[in-house]
PDB file of all heavy atoms in Angstrom:
ATOM      1  N   ARG A   1     -17.551  35.638  82.193  1.00  0.00           N
ATOM      2  CA  ARG A   1     -18.379  35.516  83.398  1.00  0.00           C
ATOM      3  C   ARG A   1     -17.550  35.333  84.660  1.00  0.00           C
ATOM      4  O   ARG A   1     -17.931  35.809  85.733  1.00  0.00           O
ATOM      5  CB  ARG A   1     -19.331  34.327  83.254  1.00  0.00           C
ATOM      6  CG  ARG A   1     -20.266  34.413  82.063  1.00  0.00           C
ATOM      7  CD  ARG A   1     -21.312  33.293  82.086  1.00  0.00           C
ATOM      8  NE  ARG A   1     -20.719  31.966  82.023  1.00  0.00           N
ATOM      9  CZ  ARG A   1     -20.894  31.025  82.943  1.00  0.00           C
ATOM     10  NH1 ARG A   1     -21.631  31.273  84.013  1.00  0.00           N
ATOM     11  NH2 ARG A   1     -20.336  29.820  82.801  1.00  0.00           N
ATOM     12  N   PHE A   2     -16.448  34.644  84.562  1.00  0.00           N
ATOM     13  CA  PHE A   2     -15.594  34.375  85.722  1.00  0.00           C
ATOM     14  C   PHE A   2     -14.285  35.142  85.589  1.00  0.00           C
ATOM     15  O   PHE A   2     -13.768  35.344  84.473  1.00  0.00           O
ATOM     16  CB  PHE A   2     -15.255  32.891  85.815  1.00  0.00           C
ATOM     17  CG  PHE A   2     -16.392  31.965  86.157  1.00  0.00           C
ATOM     18  CD1 PHE A   2     -17.717  32.385  86.129  1.00  0.00           C
ATOM     19  CD2 PHE A   2     -16.136  30.650  86.510  1.00  0.00           C
ATOM     20  CE1 PHE A   2     -18.762  31.535  86.444  1.00  0.00           C
ATOM     21  CE2 PHE A   2     -17.144  29.770  86.821  1.00  0.00           C
ATOM     22  CZ  PHE A   2     -18.464  30.213  86.781  1.00  0.00           C
ATOM     23  N   THR A   3     -13.753  35.534  86.712  1.00  0.00           N
ATOM     24  CA  THR A   3     -12.412  36.099  86.751  1.00  0.00           C
ATOM     25  C   THR A   3     -11.637  35.471  87.901  1.00  0.00           C
ATOM     26  O   THR A   3     -12.226  35.083  88.921  1.00  0.00           O
ATOM     27  CB  THR A   3     -12.438  37.624  86.919  1.00  0.00           C
ATOM     28  OG1 THR A   3     -13.172  37.943  88.118  1.00  0.00           O
ATOM     29  CG2 THR A   3     -13.082  38.307  85.738  1.00  0.00           C
ATOM     30  N   ILE A   4     -10.335  35.381  87.725  1.00  0.00           N
ATOM     31  CA  ILE A   4      -9.466  34.828  88.754  1.00  0.00           C
ATOM     32  C   ILE A   4      -8.444  35.883  89.140  1.00  0.00           C
ATOM     33  O   ILE A   4      -7.957  36.628  88.283  1.00  0.00           O
ATOM     34  CB  ILE A   4      -8.787  33.524  88.261  1.00  0.00           C
ATOM     35  CG1 ILE A   4      -7.987  32.874  89.394  1.00  0.00           C
ATOM     36  CG2 ILE A   4      -7.937  33.768  87.024  1.00  0.00           C
ATOM     37  CD1 ILE A   4      -7.449  31.486  89.016  1.00  0.00           C
ATOM     38  N   SER A   5      -8.145  35.944  90.410  1.00  0.00           N
ATOM     39  CA  SER A   5      -7.157  36.911  90.878  1.00  0.00           C
ATOM     40  C   SER A   5      -6.398  36.306  92.052  1.00  0.00           C
ATOM     41  O   SER A   5      -6.860  35.352  92.689  1.00  0.00           O
ATOM     42  CB  SER A   5      -7.837  38.217  91.299  1.00  0.00           C
ATOM     43  OG  SER A   5      -8.767  37.976  92.343  1.00  0.00           O
ATOM     44  N   ARG A   6      -5.239  36.882  92.315  1.00  0.00           N
ATOM     45  CA  ARG A   6      -4.430  36.369  93.404  1.00  0.00           C
ATOM     46  C   ARG A   6      -3.941  37.492  94.289  1.00  0.00           C
ATOM     47  O   ARG A   6      -3.686  38.606  93.813  1.00  0.00           O
ATOM     48  CB  ARG A   6      -3.249  35.545  92.876  1.00  0.00           C
ATOM     49  CG  ARG A   6      -2.272  36.312  92.001  1.00  0.00           C
ATOM     50  CD  ARG A   6      -1.305  35.350  91.291  1.00  0.00           C
ATOM     51  NE  ARG A   6      -0.486  34.644  92.272  1.00  0.00           N
ATOM     52  CZ  ARG A   6       0.039  33.445  92.052  1.00  0.00           C
ATOM     53  NH1 ARG A   6      -0.179  32.796  90.925  1.00  0.00           N
ATOM     54  NH2 ARG A   6       0.780  32.875  92.972  1.00  0.00           N
ATOM     55  N   ASP A   7      -3.803  37.219  95.557  1.00  0.00           N
ATOM     56  CA  ASP A   7      -3.260  38.151  96.536  1.00  0.00           C
ATOM     57  C   ASP A   7      -2.092  37.430  97.201  1.00  0.00           C
ATOM     58  O   ASP A   7      -2.283  36.598  98.094  1.00  0.00           O
ATOM     59  CB  ASP A   7      -4.334  38.532  97.553  1.00  0.00           C
ATOM     60  CG  ASP A   7      -3.851  39.570  98.547  1.00  0.00           C
ATOM     61  OD1 ASP A   7      -2.630  39.674  98.788  1.00  0.00           O
ATOM     62  OD2 ASP A   7      -4.696  40.295  99.100  1.00  0.00           O
ATOM     63  N   ASN A   8      -0.897  37.759  96.747  1.00  0.00           N
ATOM     64  CA  ASN A   8       0.288  37.051  97.250  1.00  0.00           C
ATOM     65  C   ASN A   8       0.636  37.431  98.692  1.00  0.00           C
ATOM     66  O   ASN A   8       1.400  36.715  99.346  1.00  0.00           O
ATOM     67  CB  ASN A   8       1.484  37.315  96.346  1.00  0.00           C
ATOM     68  CG  ASN A   8       1.329  36.663  94.983  1.00  0.00           C
ATOM     69  OD1 ASN A   8       0.653  35.656  94.836  1.00  0.00           O
ATOM     70  ND2 ASN A   8       1.954  37.256  93.981  1.00  0.00           N
ATOM     71  N   VAL A   9       0.092  38.532  99.162  1.00  0.00           N
ATOM     72  CA  VAL A   9       0.337  38.924 100.551  1.00  0.00           C
ATOM     73  C   VAL A   9      -0.521  38.078 101.482  1.00  0.00           C
ATOM     74  O   VAL A   9      -0.043  37.572 102.501  1.00  0.00           O
ATOM     75  CB  VAL A   9       0.056  40.419 100.752  1.00  0.00           C
ATOM     76  CG1 VAL A   9       0.165  40.788 102.218  1.00  0.00           C
ATOM     77  CG2 VAL A   9       1.003  41.252  99.900  1.00  0.00           C
ATOM     78  N   ARG A  10      -1.783  37.947 101.111  1.00  0.00           N
ATOM     79  CA  ARG A  10      -2.705  37.155 101.936  1.00  0.00           C
ATOM     80  C   ARG A  10      -2.684  35.679 101.572  1.00  0.00           C
ATOM     81  O   ARG A  10      -3.396  34.882 102.178  1.00  0.00           O
ATOM     82  CB  ARG A  10      -4.120  37.702 101.805  1.00  0.00           C
ATOM     83  CG  ARG A  10      -4.307  39.086 102.416  1.00  0.00           C
ATOM     84  CD  ARG A  10      -5.738  39.555 102.291  1.00  0.00           C
ATOM     85  NE  ARG A  10      -5.976  40.788 103.015  1.00  0.00           N
ATOM     86  CZ  ARG A  10      -5.697  41.990 102.556  1.00  0.00           C
ATOM     87  NH1 ARG A  10      -5.173  42.118 101.359  1.00  0.00           N
ATOM     88  NH2 ARG A  10      -5.930  43.060 103.291  1.00  0.00           N
ATOM     89  N   ASN A  11      -1.901  35.312 100.563  1.00  0.00           N
ATOM     90  CA  ASN A  11      -1.831  33.916 100.104  1.00  0.00           C
ATOM     91  C   ASN A  11      -3.199  33.363  99.734  1.00  0.00           C
ATOM     92  O   ASN A  11      -3.580  32.261 100.128  1.00  0.00           O
ATOM     93  CB  ASN A  11      -1.177  33.026 101.166  1.00  0.00           C
ATOM     94  CG  ASN A  11       0.301  32.804 100.893  1.00  0.00           C
ATOM     95  OD1 ASN A  11       0.952  33.615 100.277  1.00  0.00           O
ATOM     96  ND2 ASN A  11       0.832  31.701 101.375  1.00  0.00           N
ATOM     97  N   THR A  12      -3.953  34.157  99.003  1.00  0.00           N
ATOM     98  CA  THR A  12      -5.267  33.711  98.574  1.00  0.00           C
ATOM     99  C   THR A  12      -5.422  33.886  97.065  1.00  0.00           C
ATOM    100  O   THR A  12      -4.809  34.777  96.461  1.00  0.00           O
ATOM    101  CB  THR A  12      -6.391  34.474  99.273  1.00  0.00           C
ATOM    102  OG1 THR A  12      -6.252  35.873  98.973  1.00  0.00           O
ATOM    103  CG2 THR A  12      -6.352  34.273 100.767  1.00  0.00           C
ATOM    104  N   VAL A  13      -6.229  33.049  96.502  1.00  0.00           N
ATOM    105  CA  VAL A  13      -6.618  33.165  95.105  1.00  0.00           C
ATOM    106  C   VAL A  13      -8.138  33.118  95.060  1.00  0.00           C
ATOM    107  O   VAL A  13      -8.752  32.247  95.679  1.00  0.00           O
ATOM    108  CB  VAL A  13      -6.025  32.040  94.249  1.00  0.00           C
ATOM    109  CG1 VAL A  13      -6.559  32.120  92.819  1.00  0.00           C
ATOM    110  CG2 VAL A  13      -4.500  32.134  94.244  1.00  0.00           C
ATOM    111  N   SER A  14      -8.710  34.044  94.347  1.00  0.00           N
ATOM    112  CA  SER A  14     -10.171  34.150  94.303  1.00  0.00           C
ATOM    113  C   SER A  14     -10.708  33.847  92.915  1.00  0.00           C
ATOM    114  O   SER A  14     -10.036  34.088  91.909  1.00  0.00           O
ATOM    115  CB  SER A  14     -10.604  35.554  94.712  1.00  0.00           C
ATOM    116  OG  SER A  14     -10.212  35.825  96.042  1.00  0.00           O
ATOM    117  N   LEU A  15     -11.898  33.341  92.901  1.00  0.00           N
ATOM    118  CA  LEU A  15     -12.618  33.111  91.647  1.00  0.00           C
ATOM    119  C   LEU A  15     -13.951  33.844  91.753  1.00  0.00           C
ATOM    120  O   LEU A  15     -14.830  33.437  92.515  1.00  0.00           O
ATOM    121  CB  LEU A  15     -12.853  31.620  91.414  1.00  0.00           C
ATOM    122  CG  LEU A  15     -13.523  31.250  90.085  1.00  0.00           C
ATOM    123  CD1 LEU A  15     -12.576  31.553  88.923  1.00  0.00           C
ATOM    124  CD2 LEU A  15     -13.926  29.779  90.073  1.00  0.00           C
ATOM    125  N   GLN A  16     -14.056  34.937  91.027  1.00  0.00           N
ATOM    126  CA  GLN A  16     -15.301  35.702  90.996  1.00  0.00           C
ATOM    127  C   GLN A  16     -16.167  35.146  89.884  1.00  0.00           C
ATOM    128  O   GLN A  16     -15.758  35.122  88.728  1.00  0.00           O
ATOM    129  CB  GLN A  16     -15.020  37.182  90.764  1.00  0.00           C
ATOM    130  CG  GLN A  16     -16.264  38.041  90.679  1.00  0.00           C
ATOM    131  CD  GLN A  16     -17.000  38.130  92.011  1.00  0.00           C
ATOM    132  OE1 GLN A  16     -16.414  38.465  93.033  1.00  0.00           O
ATOM    133  NE2 GLN A  16     -18.292  37.808  91.998  1.00  0.00           N
ATOM    134  N   MET A  17     -17.361  34.717  90.255  1.00  0.00           N
ATOM    135  CA  MET A  17     -18.258  34.090  89.287  1.00  0.00           C
ATOM    136  C   MET A  17     -19.521  34.922  89.160  1.00  0.00           C
ATOM    137  O   MET A  17     -20.181  35.199  90.166  1.00  0.00           O
ATOM    138  CB  MET A  17     -18.606  32.673  89.746  1.00  0.00           C
ATOM    139  CG  MET A  17     -17.395  31.804  90.043  1.00  0.00           C
ATOM    140  SD  MET A  17     -17.809  30.092  90.400  1.00  0.00           S
ATOM    141  CE  MET A  17     -18.710  30.301  91.926  1.00  0.00           C
ATOM    142  N   LYS A  18     -19.839  35.322  87.939  1.00  0.00           N
ATOM    143  CA  LYS A  18     -21.035  36.112  87.689  1.00  0.00           C
ATOM    144  C   LYS A  18     -21.885  35.419  86.626  1.00  0.00           C
ATOM    145  O   LYS A  18     -21.418  34.523  85.922  1.00  0.00           O
ATOM    146  CB  LYS A  18     -20.643  37.523  87.226  1.00  0.00           C
ATOM    147  CG  LYS A  18     -19.850  38.306  88.237  1.00  0.00           C
ATOM    148  CD  LYS A  18     -19.495  39.688  87.701  1.00  0.00           C
ATOM    149  CE  LYS A  18     -18.690  40.486  88.721  1.00  0.00           C
ATOM    150  NZ  LYS A  18     -18.318  41.835  88.213  1.00  0.00           N
ATOM    151  N   SER A  19     -23.110  35.857  86.525  1.00  0.00           N
ATOM    152  CA  SER A  19     -24.035  35.297  85.516  1.00  0.00           C
ATOM    153  C   SER A  19     -24.024  33.772  85.561  1.00  0.00           C
ATOM    154  O   SER A  19     -23.912  33.095  84.528  1.00  0.00           O
ATOM    155  CB  SER A  19     -23.652  35.782  84.117  1.00  0.00           C
ATOM    156  OG  SER A  19     -23.672  37.197  84.054  1.00  0.00           O
ATOM    157  N   LEU A  20     -24.149  33.257  86.754  1.00  0.00           N
ATOM    158  CA  LEU A  20     -24.055  31.811  86.921  1.00  0.00           C
ATOM    159  C   LEU A  20     -25.192  31.080  86.218  1.00  0.00           C
ATOM    160  O   LEU A  20     -26.330  31.566  86.175  1.00  0.00           O
ATOM    161  CB  LEU A  20     -24.033  31.467  88.414  1.00  0.00           C
ATOM    162  CG  LEU A  20     -22.672  31.731  89.077  1.00  0.00           C
ATOM    163  CD1 LEU A  20     -22.802  31.842  90.583  1.00  0.00           C
ATOM    164  CD2 LEU A  20     -21.695  30.618  88.710  1.00  0.00           C
ATOM    165  N   LYS A  21     -24.837  29.921  85.693  1.00  0.00           N
ATOM    166  CA  LYS A  21     -25.786  29.094  84.959  1.00  0.00           C
ATOM    167  C   LYS A  21     -25.973  27.767  85.701  1.00  0.00           C
ATOM    168  O   LYS A  21     -25.152  27.377  86.522  1.00  0.00           O
ATOM    169  CB  LYS A  21     -25.256  28.810  83.558  1.00  0.00           C
ATOM    170  CG  LYS A  21     -24.945  30.052  82.738  1.00  0.00           C
ATOM    171  CD  LYS A  21     -24.339  29.680  81.393  1.00  0.00           C
ATOM    172  CE  LYS A  21     -24.002  30.916  80.560  1.00  0.00           C
ATOM    173  NZ  LYS A  21     -23.407  30.546  79.260  1.00  0.00           N
ATOM    174  N   LEU A  22     -27.051  27.096  85.352  1.00  0.00           N
ATOM    175  CA  LEU A  22     -27.310  25.798  85.973  1.00  0.00           C
ATOM    176  C   LEU A  22     -26.120  24.858  85.795  1.00  0.00           C
ATOM    177  O   LEU A  22     -25.773  24.099  86.723  1.00  0.00           O
ATOM    178  CB  LEU A  22     -28.561  25.164  85.369  1.00  0.00           C
ATOM    179  CG  LEU A  22     -29.869  25.915  85.574  1.00  0.00           C
ATOM    180  CD1 LEU A  22     -31.003  25.214  84.826  1.00  0.00           C
ATOM    181  CD2 LEU A  22     -30.210  26.019  87.053  1.00  0.00           C
ATOM    182  N   GLU A  23     -25.505  24.925  84.627  1.00  0.00           N
ATOM    183  CA  GLU A  23     -24.392  24.013  84.340  1.00  0.00           C
ATOM    184  C   GLU A  23     -23.102  24.356  85.076  1.00  0.00           C
ATOM    185  O   GLU A  23     -22.110  23.626  84.970  1.00  0.00           O
ATOM    186  CB  GLU A  23     -24.121  23.953  82.826  1.00  0.00           C
ATOM    187  CG  GLU A  23     -23.925  25.298  82.174  1.00  0.00           C
ATOM    188  CD  GLU A  23     -25.199  25.831  81.536  1.00  0.00           C
ATOM    189  OE1 GLU A  23     -26.284  25.691  82.145  1.00  0.00           O
ATOM    190  OE2 GLU A  23     -25.093  26.419  80.435  1.00  0.00           O
ATOM    191  N   ASP A  24     -23.093  25.443  85.816  1.00  0.00           N
ATOM    192  CA  ASP A  24     -21.938  25.768  86.655  1.00  0.00           C
ATOM    193  C   ASP A  24     -21.973  25.009  87.979  1.00  0.00           C
ATOM    194  O   ASP A  24     -21.018  25.069  88.754  1.00  0.00           O
ATOM    195  CB  ASP A  24     -21.870  27.270  86.935  1.00  0.00           C
ATOM    196  CG  ASP A  24     -21.599  28.089  85.686  1.00  0.00           C
ATOM    197  OD1 ASP A  24     -20.762  27.659  84.863  1.00  0.00           O
ATOM    198  OD2 ASP A  24     -22.220  29.158  85.539  1.00  0.00           O
ATOM    199  N   THR A  25     -23.076  24.333  88.237  1.00  0.00           N
ATOM    200  CA  THR A  25     -23.179  23.548  89.462  1.00  0.00           C
ATOM    201  C   THR A  25     -22.096  22.476  89.485  1.00  0.00           C
ATOM    202  O   THR A  25     -21.964  21.691  88.549  1.00  0.00           O
ATOM    203  CB  THR A  25     -24.560  22.881  89.556  1.00  0.00           C
ATOM    204  OG1 THR A  25     -25.561  23.901  89.690  1.00  0.00           O
ATOM    205  CG2 THR A  25     -24.637  21.948  90.748  1.00  0.00           C
ATOM    206  N   ALA A  26     -21.313  22.476  90.546  1.00  0.00           N
ATOM    207  CA  ALA A  26     -20.186  21.550  90.646  1.00  0.00           C
ATOM    208  C   ALA A  26     -19.507  21.740  91.989  1.00  0.00           C
ATOM    209  O   ALA A  26     -19.807  22.674  92.734  1.00  0.00           O
ATOM    210  CB  ALA A  26     -19.177  21.807  89.521  1.00  0.00           C
ATOM    211  N   ILE A  27     -18.592  20.835  92.269  1.00  0.00           N
ATOM    212  CA  ILE A  27     -17.653  21.058  93.372  1.00  0.00           C
ATOM    213  C   ILE A  27     -16.428  21.728  92.755  1.00  0.00           C
ATOM    214  O   ILE A  27     -15.869  21.232  91.767  1.00  0.00           O
ATOM    215  CB  ILE A  27     -17.256  19.745  94.060  1.00  0.00           C
ATOM    216  CG1 ILE A  27     -18.494  19.043  94.628  1.00  0.00           C
ATOM    217  CG2 ILE A  27     -16.266  20.031  95.185  1.00  0.00           C
ATOM    218  CD1 ILE A  27     -18.203  17.684  95.220  1.00  0.00           C
ATOM    219  N   TYR A  28     -16.038  22.828  93.346  1.00  0.00           N
ATOM    220  CA  TYR A  28     -14.911  23.604  92.840  1.00  0.00           C
ATOM    221  C   TYR A  28     -13.690  23.351  93.727  1.00  0.00           C
ATOM    222  O   TYR A  28     -13.764  23.468  94.954  1.00  0.00           O
ATOM    223  CB  TYR A  28     -15.261  25.094  92.811  1.00  0.00           C
ATOM    224  CG  TYR A  28     -16.190  25.442  91.675  1.00  0.00           C
ATOM    225  CD1 TYR A  28     -17.528  25.047  91.704  1.00  0.00           C
ATOM    226  CD2 TYR A  28     -15.734  26.140  90.559  1.00  0.00           C
ATOM    227  CE1 TYR A  28     -18.382  25.348  90.648  1.00  0.00           C
ATOM    228  CE2 TYR A  28     -16.576  26.449  89.506  1.00  0.00           C
ATOM    229  CZ  TYR A  28     -17.899  26.038  89.555  1.00  0.00           C
ATOM    230  OH  TYR A  28     -18.746  26.338  88.516  1.00  0.00           O
ATOM    231  N   TYR A  29     -12.595  23.041  93.070  1.00  0.00           N
ATOM    232  CA  TYR A  29     -11.360  22.704  93.768  1.00  0.00           C
ATOM    233  C   TYR A  29     -10.254  23.684  93.400  1.00  0.00           C
ATOM    234  O   TYR A  29     -10.107  24.081  92.237  1.00  0.00           O
ATOM    235  CB  TYR A  29     -10.891  21.304  93.380  1.00  0.00           C
ATOM    236  CG  TYR A  29     -11.840  20.193  93.741  1.00  0.00           C
ATOM    237  CD1 TYR A  29     -12.827  19.781  92.850  1.00  0.00           C
ATOM    238  CD2 TYR A  29     -11.735  19.541  94.970  1.00  0.00           C
ATOM    239  CE1 TYR A  29     -13.697  18.743  93.179  1.00  0.00           C
ATOM    240  CE2 TYR A  29     -12.600  18.505  95.300  1.00  0.00           C
ATOM    241  CZ  TYR A  29     -13.578  18.117  94.397  1.00  0.00           C
ATOM    242  OH  TYR A  29     -14.433  17.091  94.733  1.00  0.00           O
ATOM    243  N   CYS A  30      -9.464  23.979  94.390  1.00  0.00           N
ATOM    244  CA  CYS A  30      -8.287  24.821  94.198  1.00  0.00           C
ATOM    245  C   CYS A  30      -7.069  23.906  94.062  1.00  0.00           C
ATOM    246  O   CYS A  30      -6.980  22.865  94.753  1.00  0.00           O
ATOM    247  CB  CYS A  30      -8.144  25.742  95.402  1.00  0.00           C
ATOM    248  SG  CYS A  30      -6.815  26.938  95.294  1.00  0.00           S
ATOM    249  N   ASN A  31      -6.143  24.299  93.218  1.00  0.00           N
ATOM    250  CA  ASN A  31      -4.969  23.471  92.940  1.00  0.00           C
ATOM    251  C   ASN A  31      -3.731  24.342  92.781  1.00  0.00           C
ATOM    252  O   ASN A  31      -3.793  25.432  92.213  1.00  0.00           O
ATOM    253  CB  ASN A  31      -5.198  22.676  91.654  1.00  0.00           C
ATOM    254  CG  ASN A  31      -3.933  22.054  91.105  1.00  0.00           C
ATOM    255  OD1 ASN A  31      -3.218  22.673  90.318  1.00  0.00           O
ATOM    256  ND2 ASN A  31      -3.646  20.841  91.531  1.00  0.00           N
ATOM    257  N   THR A  32      -2.623  23.855  93.306  1.00  0.00           N
ATOM    258  CA  THR A  32      -1.352  24.476  93.014  1.00  0.00           C
ATOM    259  C   THR A  32      -0.297  23.400  92.848  1.00  0.00           C
ATOM    260  O   THR A  32      -0.475  22.255  93.289  1.00  0.00           O
ATOM    261  CB  THR A  32      -0.956  25.507  94.083  1.00  0.00           C
ATOM    262  OG1 THR A  32       0.185  26.244  93.623  1.00  0.00           O
ATOM    263  CG2 THR A  32      -0.611  24.831  95.405  1.00  0.00           C
ATOM    264  N   GLN A  33       0.784  23.779  92.216  1.00  0.00           N
ATOM    265  CA  GLN A  33       1.836  22.801  91.909  1.00  0.00           C
ATOM    266  C   GLN A  33       3.188  23.396  92.244  1.00  0.00           C
ATOM    267  O   GLN A  33       3.385  24.614  92.202  1.00  0.00           O
ATOM    268  CB  GLN A  33       1.805  22.436  90.428  1.00  0.00           C
ATOM    269  CG  GLN A  33       0.492  21.905  89.932  1.00  0.00           C
ATOM    270  CD  GLN A  33       0.474  21.753  88.425  1.00  0.00           C
ATOM    271  OE1 GLN A  33       1.516  21.768  87.768  1.00  0.00           O
ATOM    272  NE2 GLN A  33      -0.710  21.595  87.877  1.00  0.00           N
ATOM    273  N   GLY A  34       4.111  22.525  92.560  1.00  0.00           N
ATOM    274  CA  GLY A  34       5.477  22.959  92.796  1.00  0.00           C
ATOM    275  C   GLY A  34       6.276  21.868  93.464  1.00  0.00           C
ATOM    276  O   GLY A  34       5.707  20.929  94.027  1.00  0.00           O
ATOM    277  N   ARG A  35       7.586  21.996  93.424  1.00  0.00           N
ATOM    278  CA  ARG A  35       8.482  21.004  94.023  1.00  0.00           C
ATOM    279  C   ARG A  35       8.151  19.606  93.500  1.00  0.00           C
ATOM    280  O   ARG A  35       8.299  18.615  94.225  1.00  0.00           O
ATOM    281  CB  ARG A  35       8.361  21.001  95.559  1.00  0.00           C
ATOM    282  CG  ARG A  35       8.460  22.344  96.219  1.00  0.00           C
ATOM    283  CD  ARG A  35       8.157  22.208  97.701  1.00  0.00           C
ATOM    284  NE  ARG A  35       7.898  23.486  98.317  1.00  0.00           N
ATOM    285  CZ  ARG A  35       7.350  23.618  99.523  1.00  0.00           C
ATOM    286  NH1 ARG A  35       7.035  22.563 100.226  1.00  0.00           N
ATOM    287  NH2 ARG A  35       7.124  24.826 100.017  1.00  0.00           N
ATOM    288  N   GLY A  36       7.668  19.508  92.262  1.00  0.00           N
ATOM    289  CA  GLY A  36       7.310  18.222  91.694  1.00  0.00           C
ATOM    290  C   GLY A  36       6.051  17.621  92.271  1.00  0.00           C
ATOM    291  O   GLY A  36       5.768  16.429  92.072  1.00  0.00           O
ATOM    292  N   GLN A  37       5.281  18.422  92.981  1.00  0.00           N
ATOM    293  CA  GLN A  37       4.057  17.914  93.601  1.00  0.00           C
ATOM    294  C   GLN A  37       2.842  18.699  93.136  1.00  0.00           C
ATOM    295  O   GLN A  37       2.952  19.774  92.564  1.00  0.00           O
ATOM    296  CB  GLN A  37       4.165  18.010  95.128  1.00  0.00           C
ATOM    297  CG  GLN A  37       5.300  17.195  95.720  1.00  0.00           C
ATOM    298  CD  GLN A  37       5.291  17.248  97.240  1.00  0.00           C
ATOM    299  OE1 GLN A  37       4.379  16.734  97.893  1.00  0.00           O
ATOM    300  NE2 GLN A  37       6.305  17.857  97.802  1.00  0.00           N
ATOM    301  N   ASN A  38       1.698  18.118  93.436  1.00  0.00           N
ATOM    302  CA  ASN A  38       0.406  18.668  93.048  1.00  0.00           C
ATOM    303  C   ASN A  38      -0.457  18.674  94.299  1.00  0.00           C
ATOM    304  O   ASN A  38      -0.661  17.641  94.920  1.00  0.00           O
ATOM    305  CB  ASN A  38      -0.201  17.753  91.990  1.00  0.00           C
ATOM    306  CG  ASN A  38      -1.109  18.480  91.031  1.00  0.00           C
ATOM    307  OD1 ASN A  38      -1.273  19.681  91.103  1.00  0.00           O
ATOM    308  ND2 ASN A  38      -1.697  17.739  90.116  1.00  0.00           N
ATOM    309  N   TRP A  39      -0.958  19.853  94.668  1.00  0.00           N
ATOM    310  CA  TRP A  39      -1.762  19.939  95.886  1.00  0.00           C
ATOM    311  C   TRP A  39      -3.180  20.374  95.569  1.00  0.00           C
ATOM    312  O   TRP A  39      -3.407  21.240  94.711  1.00  0.00           O
ATOM    313  CB  TRP A  39      -1.151  20.931  96.860  1.00  0.00           C
ATOM    314  CG  TRP A  39       0.179  20.522  97.400  1.00  0.00           C
ATOM    315  CD1 TRP A  39       0.431  19.583  98.359  1.00  0.00           C
ATOM    316  CD2 TRP A  39       1.452  21.061  97.037  1.00  0.00           C
ATOM    317  NE1 TRP A  39       1.782  19.488  98.616  1.00  0.00           N
ATOM    318  CE2 TRP A  39       2.436  20.389  97.821  1.00  0.00           C
ATOM    319  CE3 TRP A  39       1.870  22.044  96.132  1.00  0.00           C
ATOM    320  CZ2 TRP A  39       3.794  20.673  97.717  1.00  0.00           C
ATOM    321  CZ3 TRP A  39       3.213  22.326  96.031  1.00  0.00           C
ATOM    322  CH2 TRP A  39       4.167  21.642  96.818  1.00  0.00           C
ATOM    323  N   TRP A  40      -4.123  19.821  96.310  1.00  0.00           N
ATOM    324  CA  TRP A  40      -5.539  20.114  96.116  1.00  0.00           C
ATOM    325  C   TRP A  40      -6.208  20.451  97.435  1.00  0.00           C
ATOM    326  O   TRP A  40      -5.837  19.927  98.486  1.00  0.00           O
ATOM    327  CB  TRP A  40      -6.253  18.882  95.531  1.00  0.00           C
ATOM    328  CG  TRP A  40      -5.815  18.492  94.170  1.00  0.00           C
ATOM    329  CD1 TRP A  40      -4.816  17.622  93.860  1.00  0.00           C
ATOM    330  CD2 TRP A  40      -6.359  18.954  92.941  1.00  0.00           C
ATOM    331  NE1 TRP A  40      -4.701  17.523  92.493  1.00  0.00           N
ATOM    332  CE2 TRP A  40      -5.647  18.325  91.907  1.00  0.00           C
ATOM    333  CE3 TRP A  40      -7.378  19.839  92.598  1.00  0.00           C
ATOM    334  CZ2 TRP A  40      -5.912  18.555  90.567  1.00  0.00           C
ATOM    335  CZ3 TRP A  40      -7.659  20.061  91.260  1.00  0.00           C
ATOM    336  CH2 TRP A  40      -6.930  19.418  90.259  1.00  0.00           C
TER     337      TRP A  40
END
């Protein structure tokens, strides 16, 4: 139902969500890691 993709030129990461269900209701957070750190 979901797919993830990245565009390194535009520095974006997308989450395509289809066939959404009631239980998909949530706050969605993006995360990356590096240099020993975690960013949200």
